Amino acid sequence: SDDLYVFKDASGTINVDIDHKRWNGVTVTPKDTVEIQGEVDKDWNSVEIDVKQIRKVNP
């Protein structure tokens, strides 16, 4: 789906599901640091975050 993204930091990578309405006009590039809040959705072989809020933060 086009709402699925991969986020990465020093601890690893995770799949993140962000509905279009959750962006609230925020534009994010791979160089940006963001804070995400949401629910962890664990499946048998994967972990995904269903995002409720995303915002840019200063690194």
PDB file of N, CA and C in Angstrom:
ATOM      1  N   SER A   1       0.840  -1.193   0.000  1.00  0.00           N
ATOM      2  CA  SER A   1       0.000   0.000   0.000  1.00  0.00           C
ATOM      3  C   SER A   1       0.874   1.241   0.000  1.00  0.00           C
ATOM      4  N   ASP A   2       0.359   2.342  -0.501  1.00  0.00           N
ATOM      5  CA  ASP A   2       1.161   3.565  -0.567  1.00  0.00           C
ATOM      6  C   ASP A   2       1.238   4.284   0.769  1.00  0.00           C
ATOM      7  N   ASP A   3       0.615   3.725   1.795  1.00  0.00           N
ATOM      8  CA  ASP A   3       0.717   4.288   3.141  1.00  0.00           C
ATOM      9  C   ASP A   3       1.828   3.634   3.951  1.00  0.00           C
ATOM     10  N   LEU A   4       2.539   2.675   3.348  1.00  0.00           N
ATOM     11  CA  LEU A   4       3.565   1.921   4.063  1.00  0.00           C
ATOM     12  C   LEU A   4       4.948   2.497   3.777  1.00  0.00           C
ATOM     13  N   TYR A   5       5.700   2.776   4.833  1.00  0.00           N
ATOM     14  CA  TYR A   5       7.035   3.357   4.730  1.00  0.00           C
ATOM     15  C   TYR A   5       7.987   2.539   5.584  1.00  0.00           C
ATOM     16  N   VAL A   6       9.285   2.682   5.310  1.00  0.00           N
ATOM     17  CA  VAL A   6      10.309   2.037   6.130  1.00  0.00           C
ATOM     18  C   VAL A   6      11.102   3.142   6.814  1.00  0.00           C
ATOM     19  N   PHE A   7      11.146   3.106   8.129  1.00  0.00           N
ATOM     20  CA  PHE A   7      11.916   4.073   8.904  1.00  0.00           C
ATOM     21  C   PHE A   7      13.131   3.377   9.485  1.00  0.00           C
ATOM     22  N   LYS A   8      14.239   4.133   9.583  1.00  0.00           N
ATOM     23  CA  LYS A   8      15.508   3.549   9.998  1.00  0.00           C
ATOM     24  C   LYS A   8      16.228   4.495  10.945  1.00  0.00           C
ATOM     25  N   ASP A   9      16.840   3.916  11.986  1.00  0.00           N
ATOM     26  CA  ASP A   9      17.728   4.681  12.859  1.00  0.00           C
ATOM     27  C   ASP A   9      18.829   3.752  13.337  1.00  0.00           C
ATOM     28  N   ALA A  10      19.586   4.184  14.321  1.00  0.00           N
ATOM     29  CA  ALA A  10      20.726   3.390  14.793  1.00  0.00           C
ATOM     30  C   ALA A  10      20.299   2.028  15.342  1.00  0.00           C
ATOM     31  N   SER A  11      19.046   1.908  15.779  1.00  0.00           N
ATOM     32  CA  SER A  11      18.586   0.641  16.361  1.00  0.00           C
ATOM     33  C   SER A  11      18.080  -0.352  15.317  1.00  0.00           C
ATOM     34  N   GLY A  12      17.869   0.115  14.087  1.00  0.00           N
ATOM     35  CA  GLY A  12      17.411  -0.788  13.033  1.00  0.00           C
ATOM     36  C   GLY A  12      16.346  -0.151  12.163  1.00  0.00           C
ATOM     37  N   THR A  13      15.565  -0.996  11.486  1.00  0.00           N
ATOM     38  CA  THR A  13      14.506  -0.514  10.604  1.00  0.00           C
ATOM     39  C   THR A  13      13.162  -1.088  11.042  1.00  0.00           C
ATOM     40  N   ILE A  14      12.089  -0.381  10.690  1.00  0.00           N
ATOM     41  CA  ILE A  14      10.742  -0.855  11.009  1.00  0.00           C
ATOM     42  C   ILE A  14       9.766  -0.355   9.949  1.00  0.00           C
ATOM     43  N   ASN A  15       8.780  -1.178   9.641  1.00  0.00           N
ATOM     44  CA  ASN A  15       7.717  -0.772   8.726  1.00  0.00           C
ATOM     45  C   ASN A  15       6.732   0.105   9.482  1.00  0.00           C
ATOM     46  N   VAL A  16       6.318   1.181   8.812  1.00  0.00           N
ATOM     47  CA  VAL A  16       5.445   2.160   9.436  1.00  0.00           C
ATOM     48  C   VAL A  16       4.283   2.450   8.485  1.00  0.00           C
ATOM     49  N   ASP A  17       3.061   2.335   8.989  1.00  0.00           N
ATOM     50  CA  ASP A  17       1.855   2.597   8.203  1.00  0.00           C
ATOM     51  C   ASP A  17       1.321   3.970   8.590  1.00  0.00           C
ATOM     52  N   ILE A  18       1.369   4.918   7.631  1.00  0.00           N
ATOM     53  CA  ILE A  18       0.935   6.285   7.908  1.00  0.00           C
ATOM     54  C   ILE A  18      -0.173   6.666   6.932  1.00  0.00           C
ATOM     55  N   ASP A  19      -1.397   6.771   7.430  1.00  0.00           N
ATOM     56  CA  ASP A  19      -2.504   7.230   6.592  1.00  0.00           C
ATOM     57  C   ASP A  19      -2.235   8.664   6.152  1.00  0.00           C
ATOM     58  N   HIS A  20      -2.692   9.002   4.959  1.00  0.00           N
ATOM     59  CA  HIS A  20      -2.470  10.336   4.397  1.00  0.00           C
ATOM     60  C   HIS A  20      -2.873  11.451   5.369  1.00  0.00           C
ATOM     61  N   LYS A  21      -3.987  11.275   6.065  1.00  0.00           N
ATOM     62  CA  LYS A  21      -4.480  12.321   6.974  1.00  0.00           C
ATOM     63  C   LYS A  21      -3.560  12.552   8.163  1.00  0.00           C
ATOM     64  N   ARG A  22      -2.716  11.571   8.504  1.00  0.00           N
ATOM     65  CA  ARG A  22      -1.820  11.704   9.660  1.00  0.00           C
ATOM     66  C   ARG A  22      -0.640  12.633   9.382  1.00  0.00           C
ATOM     67  N   TRP A  23      -0.345  12.893   8.097  1.00  0.00           N
ATOM     68  CA  TRP A  23       0.793  13.752   7.752  1.00  0.00           C
ATOM     69  C   TRP A  23       0.543  15.212   8.121  1.00  0.00           C
ATOM     70  N   ASN A  24      -0.703  15.652   8.115  1.00  0.00           N
ATOM     71  CA  ASN A  24      -1.047  17.040   8.459  1.00  0.00           C
ATOM     72  C   ASN A  24      -0.182  18.068   7.736  1.00  0.00           C
ATOM     73  N   GLY A  25       0.113  17.827   6.464  1.00  0.00           N
ATOM     74  CA  GLY A  25       0.887  18.771   5.672  1.00  0.00           C
ATOM     75  C   GLY A  25       2.386  18.719   5.895  1.00  0.00           C
ATOM     76  N   VAL A  26       2.866  17.830   6.758  1.00  0.00           N
ATOM     77  CA  VAL A  26       4.300  17.711   7.033  1.00  0.00           C
ATOM     78  C   VAL A  26       4.986  17.006   5.861  1.00  0.00           C
ATOM     79  N   THR A  27       6.084  17.588   5.378  1.00  0.00           N
ATOM     80  CA  THR A  27       6.889  16.957   4.340  1.00  0.00           C
ATOM     81  C   THR A  27       8.164  16.436   4.984  1.00  0.00           C
ATOM     82  N   VAL A  28       8.462  15.166   4.762  1.00  0.00           N
ATOM     83  CA  VAL A  28       9.615  14.520   5.386  1.00  0.00           C
ATOM     84  C   VAL A  28      10.531  13.962   4.308  1.00  0.00           C
ATOM     85  N   THR A  29      11.833  14.180   4.484  1.00  0.00           N
ATOM     86  CA  THR A  29      12.833  13.594   3.591  1.00  0.00           C
ATOM     87  C   THR A  29      13.656  12.589   4.398  1.00  0.00           C
ATOM     88  N   PRO A  30      14.445  11.751   3.722  1.00  0.00           N
ATOM     89  CA  PRO A  30      15.278  10.782   4.460  1.00  0.00           C
ATOM     90  C   PRO A  30      16.273  11.432   5.425  1.00  0.00           C
ATOM     91  N   LYS A  31      16.567  12.719   5.242  1.00  0.00           N
ATOM     92  CA  LYS A  31      17.521  13.401   6.122  1.00  0.00           C
ATOM     93  C   LYS A  31      16.865  13.957   7.386  1.00  0.00           C
ATOM     94  N   ASP A  32      15.536  13.982   7.433  1.00  0.00           N
ATOM     95  CA  ASP A  32      14.819  14.541   8.583  1.00  0.00           C
ATOM     96  C   ASP A  32      14.758  13.551   9.743  1.00  0.00           C
ATOM     97  N   THR A  33      14.758  14.098  10.950  1.00  0.00           N
ATOM     98  CA  THR A  33      14.517  13.303  12.155  1.00  0.00           C
ATOM     99  C   THR A  33      13.065  13.524  12.545  1.00  0.00           C
ATOM    100  N   VAL A  34      12.347  12.428  12.786  1.00  0.00           N
ATOM    101  CA  VAL A  34      10.931  12.540  13.120  1.00  0.00           C
ATOM    102  C   VAL A  34      10.616  11.786  14.400  1.00  0.00           C
ATOM    103  N   GLU A  35       9.522  12.186  15.021  1.00  0.00           N
ATOM    104  CA  GLU A  35       8.972  11.459  16.166  1.00  0.00           C
ATOM    105  C   GLU A  35       7.630  10.903  15.717  1.00  0.00           C
ATOM    106  N   ILE A  36       7.443   9.609  15.934  1.00  0.00           N
ATOM    107  CA  ILE A  36       6.165   9.005  15.579  1.00  0.00           C
ATOM    108  C   ILE A  36       5.515   8.424  16.822  1.00  0.00           C
ATOM    109  N   GLN A  37       4.201   8.534  16.872  1.00  0.00           N
ATOM    110  CA  GLN A  37       3.418   7.940  17.949  1.00  0.00           C
ATOM    111  C   GLN A  37       2.356   7.071  17.302  1.00  0.00           C
ATOM    112  N   GLY A  38       2.163   5.881  17.853  1.00  0.00           N
ATOM    113  CA  GLY A  38       1.162   4.990  17.288  1.00  0.00           C
ATOM    114  C   GLY A  38       1.104   3.679  18.034  1.00  0.00           C
ATOM    115  N   GLU A  39       0.490   2.699  17.382  1.00  0.00           N
ATOM    116  CA  GLU A  39       0.329   1.379  17.977  1.00  0.00           C
ATOM    117  C   GLU A  39       1.209   0.371  17.258  1.00  0.00           C
ATOM    118  N   VAL A  40       1.855  -0.487  18.031  1.00  0.00           N
ATOM    119  CA  VAL A  40       2.671  -1.555  17.453  1.00  0.00           C
ATOM    120  C   VAL A  40       1.742  -2.689  17.045  1.00  0.00           C
ATOM    121  N   ASP A  41       1.877  -3.115  15.789  1.00  0.00           N
ATOM    122  CA  ASP A  41       1.053  -4.190  15.242  1.00  0.00           C
ATOM    123  C   ASP A  41       1.968  -5.371  14.944  1.00  0.00           C
ATOM    124  N   LYS A  42       1.942  -6.373  15.814  1.00  0.00           N
ATOM    125  CA  LYS A  42       2.802  -7.546  15.649  1.00  0.00           C
ATOM    126  C   LYS A  42       2.046  -8.643  14.916  1.00  0.00           C
ATOM    127  N   ASP A  43       2.689  -9.174  13.885  1.00  0.00           N
ATOM    128  CA  ASP A  43       2.161 -10.307  13.146  1.00  0.00           C
ATOM    129  C   ASP A  43       3.080 -11.486  13.419  1.00  0.00           C
ATOM    130  N   TRP A  44       2.810 -12.621  12.829  1.00  0.00           N
ATOM    131  CA  TRP A  44       3.666 -13.786  13.054  1.00  0.00           C
ATOM    132  C   TRP A  44       5.111 -13.518  12.661  1.00  0.00           C
ATOM    133  N   ASN A  45       5.311 -12.829  11.543  1.00  0.00           N
ATOM    134  CA  ASN A  45       6.680 -12.656  11.046  1.00  0.00           C
ATOM    135  C   ASN A  45       7.064 -11.198  10.809  1.00  0.00           C
ATOM    136  N   SER A  46       6.276 -10.260  11.304  1.00  0.00           N
ATOM    137  CA  SER A  46       6.628  -8.861  11.086  1.00  0.00           C
ATOM    138  C   SER A  46       6.091  -7.979  12.212  1.00  0.00           C
ATOM    139  N   VAL A  47       6.699  -6.813  12.320  1.00  0.00           N
ATOM    140  CA  VAL A  47       6.245  -5.806  13.278  1.00  0.00           C
ATOM    141  C   VAL A  47       6.055  -4.513  12.495  1.00  0.00           C
ATOM    142  N   GLU A  48       4.957  -3.835  12.744  1.00  0.00           N
ATOM    143  CA  GLU A  48       4.637  -2.606  12.031  1.00  0.00           C
ATOM    144  C   GLU A  48       4.066  -1.616  13.033  1.00  0.00           C
ATOM    145  N   ILE A  49       4.283  -0.330  12.780  1.00  0.00           N
ATOM    146  CA  ILE A  49       3.683   0.699  13.622  1.00  0.00           C
ATOM    147  C   ILE A  49       2.559   1.370  12.844  1.00  0.00           C
ATOM    148  N   ASP A  50       1.368   1.385  13.429  1.00  0.00           N
ATOM    149  CA  ASP A  50       0.223   2.094  12.863  1.00  0.00           C
ATOM    150  C   ASP A  50       0.251   3.497  13.464  1.00  0.00           C
ATOM    151  N   VAL A  51       0.675   4.467  12.663  1.00  0.00           N
ATOM    152  CA  VAL A  51       0.968   5.808  13.162  1.00  0.00           C
ATOM    153  C   VAL A  51      -0.296   6.623  13.425  1.00  0.00           C
ATOM    154  N   LYS A  52      -0.333   7.248  14.586  1.00  0.00           N
ATOM    155  CA  LYS A  52      -1.414   8.166  14.958  1.00  0.00           C
ATOM    156  C   LYS A  52      -0.965   9.618  14.808  1.00  0.00           C
ATOM    157  N   GLN A  53       0.351   9.863  14.995  1.00  0.00           N
ATOM    158  CA  GLN A  53       0.884  11.225  14.882  1.00  0.00           C
ATOM    159  C   GLN A  53       2.339  11.159  14.441  1.00  0.00           C
ATOM    160  N   ILE A  54       2.737  12.094  13.567  1.00  0.00           N
ATOM    161  CA  ILE A  54       4.135  12.206  13.142  1.00  0.00           C
ATOM    162  C   ILE A  54       4.507  13.683  13.142  1.00  0.00           C
ATOM    163  N   ARG A  55       5.722  13.972  13.609  1.00  0.00           N
ATOM    164  CA  ARG A  55       6.193  15.359  13.576  1.00  0.00           C
ATOM    165  C   ARG A  55       7.704  15.381  13.431  1.00  0.00           C
ATOM    166  N   LYS A  56       8.202  16.456  12.801  1.00  0.00           N
ATOM    167  CA  LYS A  56       9.646  16.649  12.671  1.00  0.00           C
ATOM    168  C   LYS A  56      10.205  17.133  13.996  1.00  0.00           C
ATOM    169  N   VAL A  57      11.418  16.682  14.314  1.00  0.00           N
ATOM    170  CA  VAL A  57      12.118  17.154  15.510  1.00  0.00           C
ATOM    171  C   VAL A  57      13.543  17.520  15.128  1.00  0.00           C
ATOM    172  N   ASN A  58      14.177  18.342  15.931  1.00  0.00           N
ATOM    173  CA  ASN A  58      15.586  18.666  15.706  1.00  0.00           C
ATOM    174  C   ASN A  58      16.434  17.519  16.222  1.00  0.00           C
ATOM    175  N   PRO A  59      17.416  17.095  15.418  1.00  0.00           N
ATOM    176  CA  PRO A  59      18.253  15.952  15.855  1.00  0.00           C
ATOM    177  C   PRO A  59      19.093  16.268  17.071  1.00  0.00           C
TER     178      PRO A  59
END
